[in-house]
Amino acid sequence: MASIEIGGPFDPYFRRPVWLQASCCGQVLWAYDVRHLVLLEAYVAARLRERGNVAPFAPMSLVERLPTWVKVAKNRDEILRTIRRLRSTLPAEG
């Protein structure tokens, strides 16, 4: 049985590419689902990233493991634009 790898733009169980992914800052920005996208948006948009204040539903260890290019302030605007673009591909709620 092949090992399950976590941390790339693919589902670790089905080993298929995730739907929410886009080119950003010369990398691939991706999210498993809308909650993951919300977490990324909250983290990137935060001007002061204090432990425990990013998203109440996510452990801090998750955001600590984000790649450096997501964490640096110079990429903030492009990442937030890409998140909005990904969000626009989601089906309307309601």
N, C-alpha and C. Protein backbone atom coordinates (compact mmCIF):
# COMPACT_ATOMS: atom_id res chain seq x y z
N MET A 1 0.85 -1.19 0.00
CA MET A 1 0.00 0.00 0.00
C MET A 1 0.89 1.24 0.00
N ALA A 2 0.57 2.21 -0.84
CA ALA A 2 1.34 3.46 -0.91
C ALA A 2 1.05 4.30 0.33
N SER A 3 2.03 5.07 0.74
CA SER A 3 1.84 5.92 1.92
C SER A 3 0.97 7.12 1.56
N ILE A 4 0.30 7.64 2.57
CA ILE A 4 -0.53 8.83 2.40
C ILE A 4 0.33 10.03 2.70
N GLU A 5 0.36 10.96 1.75
CA GLU A 5 1.15 12.17 1.90
C GLU A 5 0.22 13.36 2.12
N ILE A 6 0.54 14.16 3.11
CA ILE A 6 -0.27 15.33 3.44
C ILE A 6 0.59 16.58 3.22
N GLY A 7 -0.02 17.63 2.70
CA GLY A 7 0.70 18.87 2.56
C GLY A 7 0.91 19.35 1.13
N GLY A 8 0.25 18.74 0.18
CA GLY A 8 0.35 19.17 -1.21
C GLY A 8 -1.02 19.44 -1.78
N PRO A 9 -1.09 19.90 -3.03
CA PRO A 9 -2.39 20.24 -3.63
C PRO A 9 -3.16 19.02 -4.13
N PHE A 10 -3.27 18.01 -3.29
CA PHE A 10 -4.02 16.81 -3.65
C PHE A 10 -4.64 16.22 -2.39
N ASP A 11 -5.73 15.51 -2.58
CA ASP A 11 -6.41 14.87 -1.46
C ASP A 11 -5.57 13.69 -0.98
N PRO A 12 -5.26 13.63 0.32
CA PRO A 12 -4.38 12.56 0.81
C PRO A 12 -5.02 11.17 0.75
N TYR A 13 -6.33 11.10 0.77
CA TYR A 13 -7.00 9.80 0.75
C TYR A 13 -7.20 9.30 -0.68
N PHE A 14 -7.79 10.14 -1.51
CA PHE A 14 -8.09 9.73 -2.88
C PHE A 14 -6.92 9.95 -3.84
N ARG A 15 -5.94 10.71 -3.39
CA ARG A 15 -4.75 11.01 -4.20
C ARG A 15 -5.11 11.68 -5.52
N ARG A 16 -6.08 12.57 -5.45
CA ARG A 16 -6.52 13.33 -6.62
C ARG A 16 -6.25 14.81 -6.35
N PRO A 17 -5.99 15.60 -7.40
CA PRO A 17 -5.76 17.04 -7.19
C PRO A 17 -6.97 17.70 -6.54
N VAL A 18 -6.71 18.65 -5.66
CA VAL A 18 -7.81 19.39 -5.05
C VAL A 18 -8.36 20.38 -6.07
N TRP A 19 -9.62 20.68 -5.93
CA TRP A 19 -10.32 21.55 -6.87
C TRP A 19 -9.91 23.01 -6.66
N LEU A 20 -9.74 23.42 -5.40
CA LEU A 20 -9.41 24.81 -5.10
C LEU A 20 -7.90 25.02 -5.15
N GLN A 21 -7.39 25.31 -6.33
CA GLN A 21 -5.97 25.62 -6.47
C GLN A 21 -5.79 26.60 -7.62
N ALA A 22 -4.77 27.47 -7.43
CA ALA A 22 -4.48 28.48 -8.45
C ALA A 22 -3.02 28.90 -8.33
N SER A 23 -2.48 29.33 -9.43
CA SER A 23 -1.12 29.86 -9.45
C SER A 23 -1.10 31.18 -8.68
N CYS A 24 -0.07 31.35 -7.86
CA CYS A 24 0.04 32.55 -7.04
C CYS A 24 1.49 32.74 -6.60
N CYS A 25 2.06 33.88 -6.86
CA CYS A 25 3.43 34.20 -6.43
C CYS A 25 4.44 33.16 -6.92
N GLY A 26 4.20 32.60 -8.09
CA GLY A 26 5.10 31.59 -8.63
C GLY A 26 4.96 30.23 -7.97
N GLN A 27 3.94 30.05 -7.18
CA GLN A 27 3.68 28.79 -6.47
C GLN A 27 2.24 28.36 -6.75
N VAL A 28 1.80 27.31 -6.07
CA VAL A 28 0.40 26.88 -6.15
C VAL A 28 -0.25 27.12 -4.80
N LEU A 29 -1.26 27.98 -4.80
CA LEU A 29 -2.06 28.20 -3.59
C LEU A 29 -3.24 27.25 -3.69
N TRP A 30 -3.48 26.48 -2.64
CA TRP A 30 -4.55 25.50 -2.69
C TRP A 30 -5.24 25.40 -1.34
N ALA A 31 -6.46 24.88 -1.37
CA ALA A 31 -7.24 24.65 -0.15
C ALA A 31 -8.09 23.40 -0.36
N TYR A 32 -8.24 22.62 0.72
CA TYR A 32 -9.06 21.41 0.65
C TYR A 32 -10.54 21.73 0.49
N ASP A 33 -11.00 22.78 1.17
CA ASP A 33 -12.42 23.11 1.18
C ASP A 33 -12.59 24.57 1.59
N VAL A 34 -13.83 25.01 1.73
CA VAL A 34 -14.10 26.41 2.04
C VAL A 34 -13.55 26.79 3.42
N ARG A 35 -13.61 25.89 4.40
CA ARG A 35 -13.06 26.22 5.73
C ARG A 35 -11.55 26.43 5.66
N HIS A 36 -10.87 25.64 4.87
CA HIS A 36 -9.44 25.80 4.70
C HIS A 36 -9.15 27.14 4.01
N LEU A 37 -9.97 27.51 3.03
CA LEU A 37 -9.82 28.78 2.34
C LEU A 37 -10.05 29.95 3.30
N VAL A 38 -11.05 29.83 4.15
CA VAL A 38 -11.34 30.87 5.16
C VAL A 38 -10.16 31.02 6.12
N LEU A 39 -9.58 29.91 6.53
CA LEU A 39 -8.42 29.95 7.42
C LEU A 39 -7.25 30.66 6.75
N LEU A 40 -6.95 30.31 5.51
CA LEU A 40 -5.86 30.96 4.79
C LEU A 40 -6.10 32.46 4.66
N GLU A 41 -7.33 32.82 4.33
CA GLU A 41 -7.67 34.23 4.18
C GLU A 41 -7.50 34.98 5.50
N ALA A 42 -7.98 34.40 6.58
CA ALA A 42 -7.86 35.05 7.90
C ALA A 42 -6.41 35.22 8.29
N TYR A 43 -5.60 34.21 8.04
CA TYR A 43 -4.19 34.27 8.41
C TYR A 43 -3.45 35.31 7.58
N VAL A 44 -3.64 35.26 6.27
CA VAL A 44 -2.92 36.19 5.39
C VAL A 44 -3.37 37.63 5.63
N ALA A 45 -4.65 37.85 5.85
CA ALA A 45 -5.18 39.20 6.03
C ALA A 45 -4.80 39.81 7.38
N ALA A 46 -4.51 38.99 8.37
CA ALA A 46 -4.21 39.49 9.71
C ALA A 46 -2.93 40.32 9.70
N ARG A 47 -3.01 41.52 10.22
CA ARG A 47 -1.82 42.38 10.32
C ARG A 47 -0.96 41.96 11.50
N LEU A 48 -1.60 41.45 12.55
CA LEU A 48 -0.89 40.96 13.74
C LEU A 48 -1.34 39.52 13.95
N ARG A 49 -0.42 38.60 13.79
CA ARG A 49 -0.76 37.17 13.86
C ARG A 49 -0.39 36.62 15.22
N GLU A 50 -1.30 36.78 16.16
CA GLU A 50 -1.07 36.28 17.50
C GLU A 50 -1.60 34.87 17.63
N ARG A 51 -0.93 34.08 18.44
CA ARG A 51 -1.31 32.70 18.67
C ARG A 51 -2.77 32.62 19.14
N GLY A 52 -3.55 31.80 18.43
CA GLY A 52 -4.93 31.57 18.84
C GLY A 52 -5.95 32.56 18.29
N ASN A 53 -5.51 33.60 17.58
CA ASN A 53 -6.45 34.61 17.11
C ASN A 53 -6.76 34.54 15.62
N VAL A 54 -6.24 33.55 14.93
CA VAL A 54 -6.45 33.48 13.48
C VAL A 54 -7.82 32.90 13.16
N ALA A 55 -8.09 31.69 13.58
CA ALA A 55 -9.39 31.05 13.35
C ALA A 55 -9.66 30.11 14.52
N PRO A 56 -10.77 30.30 15.20
CA PRO A 56 -11.04 29.49 16.38
C PRO A 56 -11.16 28.00 16.11
N PHE A 57 -11.46 27.61 14.87
CA PHE A 57 -11.66 26.20 14.55
C PHE A 57 -10.37 25.50 14.12
N ALA A 58 -9.27 26.22 13.99
CA ALA A 58 -8.04 25.61 13.46
C ALA A 58 -6.91 25.68 14.48
N PRO A 59 -6.16 24.61 14.60
CA PRO A 59 -5.01 24.64 15.51
C PRO A 59 -3.91 25.53 14.95
N MET A 60 -3.21 26.21 15.83
CA MET A 60 -2.13 27.10 15.40
C MET A 60 -1.06 26.33 14.64
N SER A 61 -0.87 25.05 14.99
CA SER A 61 0.17 24.27 14.31
C SER A 61 -0.08 24.20 12.80
N LEU A 62 -1.33 24.29 12.38
CA LEU A 62 -1.63 24.26 10.96
C LEU A 62 -1.05 25.48 10.25
N VAL A 63 -1.25 26.66 10.81
CA VAL A 63 -0.73 27.86 10.17
C VAL A 63 0.78 27.99 10.35
N GLU A 64 1.32 27.42 11.40
CA GLU A 64 2.77 27.44 11.58
C GLU A 64 3.47 26.66 10.47
N ARG A 65 2.78 25.71 9.88
CA ARG A 65 3.37 24.87 8.83
C ARG A 65 3.16 25.41 7.43
N LEU A 66 2.52 26.56 7.31
CA LEU A 66 2.35 27.14 5.98
C LEU A 66 3.71 27.49 5.40
N PRO A 67 3.84 27.40 4.08
CA PRO A 67 5.13 27.75 3.47
C PRO A 67 5.45 29.23 3.67
N THR A 68 6.72 29.54 3.67
CA THR A 68 7.18 30.90 3.92
C THR A 68 6.57 31.90 2.95
N TRP A 69 6.41 31.53 1.69
CA TRP A 69 5.88 32.49 0.71
C TRP A 69 4.46 32.93 1.06
N VAL A 70 3.71 32.11 1.80
CA VAL A 70 2.37 32.48 2.24
C VAL A 70 2.45 33.42 3.45
N LYS A 71 3.48 33.30 4.23
CA LYS A 71 3.61 34.06 5.47
C LYS A 71 4.19 35.47 5.30
N VAL A 72 4.96 35.70 4.24
CA VAL A 72 5.62 36.99 4.10
C VAL A 72 4.65 38.07 3.64
N ALA A 73 4.80 39.24 4.21
CA ALA A 73 3.87 40.35 3.97
C ALA A 73 3.87 40.82 2.52
N LYS A 74 4.99 40.71 1.84
CA LYS A 74 5.04 41.23 0.46
C LYS A 74 4.11 40.49 -0.49
N ASN A 75 3.69 39.28 -0.13
CA ASN A 75 2.79 38.49 -0.98
C ASN A 75 1.32 38.63 -0.58
N ARG A 76 1.05 39.38 0.49
CA ARG A 76 -0.30 39.46 1.05
C ARG A 76 -1.36 39.82 0.00
N ASP A 77 -1.15 40.91 -0.74
CA ASP A 77 -2.17 41.36 -1.68
C ASP A 77 -2.44 40.34 -2.78
N GLU A 78 -1.39 39.77 -3.35
CA GLU A 78 -1.59 38.78 -4.41
C GLU A 78 -2.28 37.53 -3.89
N ILE A 79 -1.92 37.08 -2.69
CA ILE A 79 -2.55 35.90 -2.11
C ILE A 79 -4.03 36.17 -1.84
N LEU A 80 -4.35 37.33 -1.29
CA LEU A 80 -5.76 37.65 -1.02
C LEU A 80 -6.56 37.76 -2.32
N ARG A 81 -5.96 38.30 -3.39
CA ARG A 81 -6.65 38.34 -4.70
C ARG A 81 -6.91 36.92 -5.20
N THR A 82 -5.92 36.05 -5.03
CA THR A 82 -6.07 34.66 -5.48
C THR A 82 -7.13 33.95 -4.67
N ILE A 83 -7.19 34.19 -3.38
CA ILE A 83 -8.23 33.59 -2.52
C ILE A 83 -9.61 34.06 -2.98
N ARG A 84 -9.75 35.35 -3.28
CA ARG A 84 -11.04 35.85 -3.79
C ARG A 84 -11.40 35.17 -5.10
N ARG A 85 -10.41 34.97 -5.97
CA ARG A 85 -10.66 34.29 -7.25
C ARG A 85 -11.12 32.85 -7.01
N LEU A 86 -10.45 32.15 -6.08
CA LEU A 86 -10.86 30.78 -5.75
C LEU A 86 -12.27 30.76 -5.16
N ARG A 87 -12.54 31.71 -4.29
CA ARG A 87 -13.86 31.79 -3.65
C ARG A 87 -14.96 31.99 -4.71
N SER A 88 -14.64 32.73 -5.76
CA SER A 88 -15.65 32.99 -6.81
C SER A 88 -15.98 31.72 -7.60
N THR A 89 -15.17 30.68 -7.50
CA THR A 89 -15.46 29.43 -8.20
C THR A 89 -16.38 28.52 -7.39
N LEU A 90 -16.62 28.88 -6.14
CA LEU A 90 -17.46 28.04 -5.28
C LEU A 90 -18.94 28.23 -5.62
N PRO A 91 -19.74 27.20 -5.45
CA PRO A 91 -21.18 27.35 -5.67
C PRO A 91 -21.76 28.34 -4.65
N ALA A 92 -22.78 29.08 -5.06
CA ALA A 92 -23.44 30.03 -4.16
C ALA A 92 -24.09 29.30 -3.00
N GLU A 93 -23.97 29.89 -1.82
CA GLU A 93 -24.61 29.30 -0.63
C GLU A 93 -26.06 29.70 -0.60
N GLY A 94 -26.88 28.83 -0.01
CA GLY A 94 -28.26 29.21 0.20
C GLY A 94 -29.17 28.33 -0.45
